[in-house]
PDB file of N, CA and C in Angstrom:
ATOM      1  N   UNK A   1      78.755   9.599  15.549  1.00  0.00           N
ATOM      2  CA  UNK A   1      77.587   8.746  15.508  1.00  0.00           C
ATOM      3  C   UNK A   1      77.864   7.488  16.318  1.00  0.00           C
ATOM      4  N   UNK A   2      76.909   7.094  17.119  1.00  0.00           N
ATOM      5  CA  UNK A   2      77.054   5.890  17.924  1.00  0.00           C
ATOM      6  C   UNK A   2      77.056   4.647  17.044  1.00  0.00           C
ATOM      7  N   UNK A   3      77.813   3.635  17.456  1.00  0.00           N
ATOM      8  CA  UNK A   3      77.887   2.366  16.727  1.00  0.00           C
ATOM      9  C   UNK A   3      77.414   1.252  17.660  1.00  0.00           C
ATOM     10  N   UNK A   4      76.726   0.273  17.112  1.00  0.00           N
ATOM     11  CA  UNK A   4      76.152  -0.808  17.896  1.00  0.00           C
ATOM     12  C   UNK A   4      76.350  -2.141  17.194  1.00  0.00           C
ATOM     13  N   UNK A   5      76.138  -3.212  17.925  1.00  0.00           N
ATOM     14  CA  UNK A   5      76.018  -4.553  17.355  1.00  0.00           C
ATOM     15  C   UNK A   5      74.592  -5.003  17.601  1.00  0.00           C
ATOM     16  N   UNK A   6      73.872  -5.327  16.546  1.00  0.00           N
ATOM     17  CA  UNK A   6      72.506  -5.817  16.669  1.00  0.00           C
ATOM     18  C   UNK A   6      72.547  -7.332  16.688  1.00  0.00           C
ATOM     19  N   UNK A   7      72.028  -7.934  17.744  1.00  0.00           N
ATOM     20  CA  UNK A   7      72.004  -9.387  17.881  1.00  0.00           C
ATOM     21  C   UNK A   7      70.575  -9.854  17.626  1.00  0.00           C
ATOM     22  N   UNK A   8      70.403 -10.731  16.672  1.00  0.00           N
ATOM     23  CA  UNK A   8      69.075 -11.244  16.391  1.00  0.00           C
ATOM     24  C   UNK A   8      69.176 -12.630  15.775  1.00  0.00           C
ATOM     25  N   UNK A   9      68.067 -13.320  15.761  1.00  0.00           N
ATOM     26  CA  UNK A   9      68.028 -14.630  15.135  1.00  0.00           C
ATOM     27  C   UNK A   9      66.624 -14.914  14.639  1.00  0.00           C
ATOM     28  N   UNK A  10      66.542 -15.641  13.567  1.00  0.00           N
ATOM     29  CA  UNK A  10      65.253 -16.020  13.001  1.00  0.00           C
ATOM     30  C   UNK A  10      65.286 -17.483  12.614  1.00  0.00           C
ATOM     31  N   UNK A  11      64.195 -18.137  12.806  1.00  0.00           N
ATOM     32  CA  UNK A  11      64.033 -19.500  12.314  1.00  0.00           C
ATOM     33  C   UNK A  11      62.555 -19.694  12.032  1.00  0.00           C
ATOM     34  N   UNK A  12      62.248 -20.181  10.855  1.00  0.00           N
ATOM     35  CA  UNK A  12      60.870 -20.394  10.454  1.00  0.00           C
ATOM     36  C   UNK A  12      60.536 -21.869  10.588  1.00  0.00           C
ATOM     37  N   UNK A  13      59.507 -22.179  11.393  1.00  0.00           N
ATOM     38  CA  UNK A  13      59.045 -23.560  11.583  1.00  0.00           C
ATOM     39  C   UNK A  13      57.533 -23.579  11.412  1.00  0.00           C
ATOM     40  N   UNK A  14      56.998 -24.746  11.175  1.00  0.00           N
ATOM     41  CA  UNK A  14      55.538 -24.877  11.026  1.00  0.00           C
ATOM     42  C   UNK A  14      54.839 -24.449  12.313  1.00  0.00           C
ATOM     43  N   UNK A  15      53.737 -23.708  12.147  1.00  0.00           N
ATOM     44  CA  UNK A  15      52.949 -23.282  13.305  1.00  0.00           C
ATOM     45  C   UNK A  15      52.499 -24.504  14.096  1.00  0.00           C
ATOM     46  N   UNK A  16      52.620 -24.420  15.420  1.00  0.00           N
ATOM     47  CA  UNK A  16      52.218 -25.507  16.295  1.00  0.00           C
ATOM     48  C   UNK A  16      53.322 -26.495  16.615  1.00  0.00           C
ATOM     49  N   UNK A  17      54.488 -26.363  15.966  1.00  0.00           N
ATOM     50  CA  UNK A  17      55.562 -27.329  16.201  1.00  0.00           C
ATOM     51  C   UNK A  17      56.497 -26.926  17.338  1.00  0.00           C
ATOM     52  N   UNK A  18      56.412 -25.688  17.813  1.00  0.00           N
ATOM     53  CA  UNK A  18      57.261 -25.230  18.910  1.00  0.00           C
ATOM     54  C   UNK A  18      56.586 -25.597  20.234  1.00  0.00           C
ATOM     55  N   UNK A  19      57.316 -26.326  21.078  1.00  0.00           N
ATOM     56  CA  UNK A  19      56.765 -26.714  22.378  1.00  0.00           C
ATOM     57  C   UNK A  19      57.409 -25.953  23.531  1.00  0.00           C
ATOM     58  N   UNK A  20      58.481 -25.233  23.263  1.00  0.00           N
ATOM     59  CA  UNK A  20      59.132 -24.460  24.304  1.00  0.00           C
ATOM     60  C   UNK A  20      60.070 -23.439  23.698  1.00  0.00           C
ATOM     61  N   UNK A  21      60.414 -22.431  24.483  1.00  0.00           N
ATOM     62  CA  UNK A  21      61.295 -21.368  24.026  1.00  0.00           C
ATOM     63  C   UNK A  21      62.050 -20.844  25.233  1.00  0.00           C
ATOM     64  N   UNK A  22      63.370 -20.740  25.139  1.00  0.00           N
ATOM     65  CA  UNK A  22      64.186 -20.234  26.242  1.00  0.00           C
ATOM     66  C   UNK A  22      64.966 -19.022  25.773  1.00  0.00           C
ATOM     67  N   UNK A  23      65.256 -18.114  26.698  1.00  0.00           N
ATOM     68  CA  UNK A  23      66.061 -16.947  26.365  1.00  0.00           C
ATOM     69  C   UNK A  23      67.471 -17.356  25.976  1.00  0.00           C
ATOM     70  N   UNK A  24      68.050 -16.603  25.074  1.00  0.00           N
ATOM     71  CA  UNK A  24      69.451 -16.794  24.697  1.00  0.00           C
ATOM     72  C   UNK A  24      70.318 -15.947  25.635  1.00  0.00           C
ATOM     73  N   UNK A  25      71.558 -16.343  25.796  1.00  0.00           N
ATOM     74  CA  UNK A  25      72.482 -15.613  26.664  1.00  0.00           C
ATOM     75  C   UNK A  25      73.681 -15.109  25.865  1.00  0.00           C
ATOM     76  N   UNK A  26      73.980 -13.828  26.031  1.00  0.00           N
ATOM     77  CA  UNK A  26      75.166 -13.234  25.429  1.00  0.00           C
ATOM     78  C   UNK A  26      76.290 -13.238  26.441  1.00  0.00           C
ATOM     79  N   UNK A  27      77.497 -13.526  26.002  1.00  0.00           N
ATOM     80  CA  UNK A  27      78.678 -13.381  26.844  1.00  0.00           C
ATOM     81  C   UNK A  27      79.413 -12.145  26.361  1.00  0.00           C
ATOM     82  N   UNK A  28      79.516 -11.136  27.229  1.00  0.00           N
ATOM     83  CA  UNK A  28      80.081  -9.848  26.862  1.00  0.00           C
ATOM     84  C   UNK A  28      81.576  -9.787  27.153  1.00  0.00           C
ATOM     85  N   UNK A  29      82.247  -8.859  26.489  1.00  0.00           N
ATOM     86  CA  UNK A  29      83.701  -8.738  26.582  1.00  0.00           C
ATOM     87  C   UNK A  29      84.187  -8.474  28.001  1.00  0.00           C
ATOM     88  N   UNK A  30      83.361  -7.827  28.829  1.00  0.00           N
ATOM     89  CA  UNK A  30      83.783  -7.529  30.200  1.00  0.00           C
ATOM     90  C   UNK A  30      83.554  -8.699  31.159  1.00  0.00           C
ATOM     91  N   UNK A  31      83.116  -9.850  30.601  1.00  0.00           N
ATOM     92  CA  UNK A  31      82.897 -11.036  31.416  1.00  0.00           C
ATOM     93  C   UNK A  31      81.475 -11.213  31.903  1.00  0.00           C
ATOM     94  N   UNK A  32      80.656 -10.187  31.747  1.00  0.00           N
ATOM     95  CA  UNK A  32      79.262 -10.294  32.185  1.00  0.00           C
ATOM     96  C   UNK A  32      78.428 -10.987  31.103  1.00  0.00           C
ATOM     97  N   UNK A  33      77.201 -11.281  31.460  1.00  0.00           N
ATOM     98  CA  UNK A  33      76.290 -11.894  30.498  1.00  0.00           C
ATOM     99  C   UNK A  33      75.044 -11.032  30.372  1.00  0.00           C
ATOM    100  N   UNK A  34      74.351 -11.184  29.277  1.00  0.00           N
ATOM    101  CA  UNK A  34      73.102 -10.468  29.048  1.00  0.00           C
ATOM    102  C   UNK A  34      72.116 -11.396  28.373  1.00  0.00           C
ATOM    103  N   UNK A  35      70.860 -11.176  28.627  1.00  0.00           N
ATOM    104  CA  UNK A  35      69.832 -12.021  28.032  1.00  0.00           C
ATOM    105  C   UNK A  35      69.270 -11.443  26.756  1.00  0.00           C
ATOM    106  N   UNK A  36      68.818 -12.313  25.893  1.00  0.00           N
ATOM    107  CA  UNK A  36      68.115 -11.928  24.673  1.00  0.00           C
ATOM    108  C   UNK A  36      66.774 -12.642  24.704  1.00  0.00           C
ATOM    109  N   UNK A  37      65.706 -11.878  24.785  1.00  0.00           N
ATOM    110  CA  UNK A  37      64.373 -12.462  24.822  1.00  0.00           C
ATOM    111  C   UNK A  37      63.977 -12.895  23.416  1.00  0.00           C
ATOM    112  N   UNK A  38      63.473 -14.105  23.313  1.00  0.00           N
ATOM    113  CA  UNK A  38      63.017 -14.629  22.035  1.00  0.00           C
ATOM    114  C   UNK A  38      61.503 -14.505  21.955  1.00  0.00           C
ATOM    115  N   UNK A  39      60.999 -14.185  20.798  1.00  0.00           N
ATOM    116  CA  UNK A  39      59.572 -13.993  20.588  1.00  0.00           C
ATOM    117  C   UNK A  39      59.091 -14.902  19.471  1.00  0.00           C
ATOM    118  N   UNK A  40      57.809 -15.194  19.464  1.00  0.00           N
ATOM    119  CA  UNK A  40      57.222 -15.952  18.370  1.00  0.00           C
ATOM    120  C   UNK A  40      56.101 -15.138  17.737  1.00  0.00           C
ATOM    121  N   UNK A  41      55.905 -15.331  16.448  1.00  0.00           N
ATOM    122  CA  UNK A  41      54.824 -14.712  15.693  1.00  0.00           C
ATOM    123  C   UNK A  41      54.238 -15.807  14.819  1.00  0.00           C
ATOM    124  N   UNK A  42      52.929 -15.960  14.803  1.00  0.00           N
ATOM    125  CA  UNK A  42      52.265 -16.944  13.952  1.00  0.00           C
ATOM    126  C   UNK A  42      51.565 -16.249  12.802  1.00  0.00           C
ATOM    127  N   UNK A  43      51.517 -16.898  11.641  1.00  0.00           N
ATOM    128  CA  UNK A  43      50.763 -16.362  10.517  1.00  0.00           C
ATOM    129  C   UNK A  43      51.328 -16.814   9.187  1.00  0.00           C
ATOM    130  N   UNK A  44      50.766 -16.277   8.135  1.00  0.00           N
ATOM    131  CA  UNK A  44      51.266 -16.556   6.789  1.00  0.00           C
ATOM    132  C   UNK A  44      52.550 -15.759   6.566  1.00  0.00           C
ATOM    133  N   UNK A  45      53.267 -16.059   5.509  1.00  0.00           N
ATOM    134  CA  UNK A  45      54.512 -15.326   5.229  1.00  0.00           C
ATOM    135  C   UNK A  45      54.250 -13.819   5.115  1.00  0.00           C
ATOM    136  N   UNK A  46      53.239 -13.357   4.365  1.00  0.00           N
ATOM    137  CA  UNK A  46      52.982 -11.908   4.328  1.00  0.00           C
ATOM    138  C   UNK A  46      52.636 -11.324   5.703  1.00  0.00           C
ATOM    139  N   UNK A  47      51.854 -12.058   6.509  1.00  0.00           N
ATOM    140  CA  UNK A  47      51.533 -11.587   7.859  1.00  0.00           C
ATOM    141  C   UNK A  47      52.786 -11.505   8.716  1.00  0.00           C
ATOM    142  N   UNK A  48      53.660 -12.520   8.615  1.00  0.00           N
ATOM    143  CA  UNK A  48      54.901 -12.524   9.389  1.00  0.00           C
ATOM    144  C   UNK A  48      55.777 -11.335   9.022  1.00  0.00           C
ATOM    145  N   UNK A  49      55.890 -11.053   7.737  1.00  0.00           N
ATOM    146  CA  UNK A  49      56.722  -9.926   7.287  1.00  0.00           C
ATOM    147  C   UNK A  49      56.202  -8.606   7.841  1.00  0.00           C
ATOM    148  N   UNK A  50      54.889  -8.388   7.732  1.00  0.00           N
ATOM    149  CA  UNK A  50      54.309  -7.141   8.229  1.00  0.00           C
ATOM    150  C   UNK A  50      54.500  -7.013   9.739  1.00  0.00           C
ATOM    151  N   UNK A  51      54.235  -8.089  10.460  1.00  0.00           N
ATOM    152  CA  UNK A  51      54.359  -8.058  11.917  1.00  0.00           C
ATOM    153  C   UNK A  51      55.800  -7.845  12.344  1.00  0.00           C
ATOM    154  N   UNK A  52      56.739  -8.510  11.675  1.00  0.00           N
ATOM    155  CA  UNK A  52      58.154  -8.331  11.998  1.00  0.00           C
ATOM    156  C   UNK A  52      58.601  -6.905  11.718  1.00  0.00           C
ATOM    157  N   UNK A  53      58.166  -6.333  10.606  1.00  0.00           N
ATOM    158  CA  UNK A  53      58.504  -4.938  10.297  1.00  0.00           C
ATOM    159  C   UNK A  53      58.002  -3.998  11.387  1.00  0.00           C
ATOM    160  N   UNK A  54      56.753  -4.196  11.813  1.00  0.00           N
ATOM    161  CA  UNK A  54      56.199  -3.340  12.877  1.00  0.00           C
ATOM    162  C   UNK A  54      56.942  -3.543  14.195  1.00  0.00           C
ATOM    163  N   UNK A  55      57.295  -4.782  14.484  1.00  0.00           N
ATOM    164  CA  UNK A  55      58.009  -5.086  15.719  1.00  0.00           C
ATOM    165  C   UNK A  55      59.385  -4.427  15.728  1.00  0.00           C
ATOM    166  N   UNK A  56      60.093  -4.495  14.615  1.00  0.00           N
ATOM    167  CA  UNK A  56      61.408  -3.860  14.529  1.00  0.00           C
ATOM    168  C   UNK A  56      61.295  -2.344  14.636  1.00  0.00           C
ATOM    169  N   UNK A  57      60.300  -1.763  13.977  1.00  0.00           N
ATOM    170  CA  UNK A  57      60.093  -0.318  14.094  1.00  0.00           C
ATOM    171  C   UNK A  57      59.851   0.076  15.540  1.00  0.00           C
ATOM    172  N   UNK A  58      59.010  -0.688  16.240  1.00  0.00           N
ATOM    173  CA  UNK A  58      58.710  -0.383  17.638  1.00  0.00           C
ATOM    174  C   UNK A  58      59.961  -0.513  18.506  1.00  0.00           C
ATOM    175  N   UNK A  59      60.783  -1.528  18.236  1.00  0.00           N
ATOM    176  CA  UNK A  59      62.021  -1.713  19.004  1.00  0.00           C
ATOM    177  C   UNK A  59      62.897  -0.468  18.906  1.00  0.00           C
ATOM    178  N   UNK A  60      63.108   0.023  17.699  1.00  0.00           N
ATOM    179  CA  UNK A  60      63.982   1.182  17.533  1.00  0.00           C
ATOM    180  C   UNK A  60      63.333   2.467  18.030  1.00  0.00           C
ATOM    181  N   UNK A  61      62.014   2.573  17.955  1.00  0.00           N
ATOM    182  CA  UNK A  61      61.327   3.749  18.502  1.00  0.00           C
ATOM    183  C   UNK A  61      61.493   3.831  20.011  1.00  0.00           C
ATOM    184  N   UNK A  62      61.530   2.676  20.684  1.00  0.00           N
ATOM    185  CA  UNK A  62      61.631   2.638  22.141  1.00  0.00           C
ATOM    186  C   UNK A  62      63.070   2.629  22.646  1.00  0.00           C
ATOM    187  N   UNK A  63      64.021   2.470  21.758  1.00  0.00           N
ATOM    188  CA  UNK A  63      65.421   2.361  22.150  1.00  0.00           C
ATOM    189  C   UNK A  63      65.925   3.672  22.735  1.00  0.00           C
ATOM    190  N   UNK A  64      66.390   3.649  23.983  1.00  0.00           N
ATOM    191  CA  UNK A  64      66.905   4.885  24.579  1.00  0.00           C
ATOM    192  C   UNK A  64      68.272   5.235  23.998  1.00  0.00           C
ATOM    193  N   UNK A  65      68.558   6.519  23.995  1.00  0.00           N
ATOM    194  CA  UNK A  65      69.897   6.958  23.619  1.00  0.00           C
ATOM    195  C   UNK A  65      70.122   7.157  22.139  1.00  0.00           C
ATOM    196  N   UNK A  66      69.095   7.103  21.323  1.00  0.00           N
ATOM    197  CA  UNK A  66      69.286   7.364  19.897  1.00  0.00           C
ATOM    198  C   UNK A  66      69.691   8.823  19.737  1.00  0.00           C
ATOM    199  N   UNK A  67      70.813   9.028  19.112  1.00  0.00           N
ATOM    200  CA  UNK A  67      71.318  10.384  18.910  1.00  0.00           C
ATOM    201  C   UNK A  67      70.476  11.096  17.854  1.00  0.00           C
ATOM    202  N   UNK A  68      70.350  12.402  17.976  1.00  0.00           N
ATOM    203  CA  UNK A  68      69.574  13.177  17.011  1.00  0.00           C
ATOM    204  C   UNK A  68      70.128  13.017  15.599  1.00  0.00           C
ATOM    205  N   UNK A  69      71.468  12.996  15.464  1.00  0.00           N
ATOM    206  CA  UNK A  69      72.044  12.843  14.115  1.00  0.00           C
ATOM    207  C   UNK A  69      71.798  11.444  13.555  1.00  0.00           C
ATOM    208  N   UNK A  70      71.717  10.419  14.425  1.00  0.00           N
ATOM    209  CA  UNK A  70      71.353   9.069  13.971  1.00  0.00           C
ATOM    210  C   UNK A  70      69.945   9.083  13.415  1.00  0.00           C
ATOM    211  N   UNK A  71      69.023   9.736  14.129  1.00  0.00           N
ATOM    212  CA  UNK A  71      67.633   9.785  13.699  1.00  0.00           C
ATOM    213  C   UNK A  71      67.498  10.564  12.387  1.00  0.00           C
ATOM    214  N   UNK A  72      68.262  11.644  12.247  1.00  0.00           N
ATOM    215  CA  UNK A  72      68.237  12.432  11.011  1.00  0.00           C
ATOM    216  C   UNK A  72      68.735  11.603   9.835  1.00  0.00           C
ATOM    217  N   UNK A  73      69.838  10.884  10.046  1.00  0.00           N
ATOM    218  CA  UNK A  73      70.460  10.145   8.961  1.00  0.00           C
ATOM    219  C   UNK A  73      69.711   8.860   8.618  1.00  0.00           C
ATOM    220  N   UNK A  74      69.123   8.197   9.630  1.00  0.00           N
ATOM    221  CA  UNK A  74      68.569   6.874   9.399  1.00  0.00           C
ATOM    222  C   UNK A  74      67.083   6.740   9.716  1.00  0.00           C
ATOM    223  N   UNK A  75      66.476   7.771  10.302  1.00  0.00           N
ATOM    224  CA  UNK A  75      65.064   7.703  10.638  1.00  0.00           C
ATOM    225  C   UNK A  75      64.180   7.806   9.407  1.00  0.00           C
ATOM    226  N   UNK A  76      62.950   7.372   9.549  1.00  0.00           N
ATOM    227  CA  UNK A  76      62.002   7.393   8.427  1.00  0.00           C
ATOM    228  C   UNK A  76      61.241   8.704   8.320  1.00  0.00           C
ATOM    229  N   UNK A  77      61.368   9.559   9.298  1.00  0.00           N
ATOM    230  CA  UNK A  77      60.585  10.805   9.288  1.00  0.00           C
ATOM    231  C   UNK A  77      61.186  11.840   8.371  1.00  0.00           C
TER     232      UNK A  77
END
């Protein structure tokens, strides 16, 4: 089974208080760098939870290279 490191971050702030957002940068073991795109979602706590759940599901659905045994063991189907 393939193993990964999931990089993510969350911070909850009042709607309208964010004036800018920049991508985060990862420094990888081989010396290269990679970007992490940051996203914003506005709404109430229940709306945020539902939207985040859907967003995470979509991320993993679109992720290339998911092994069949990974999907069997951890997929929702």
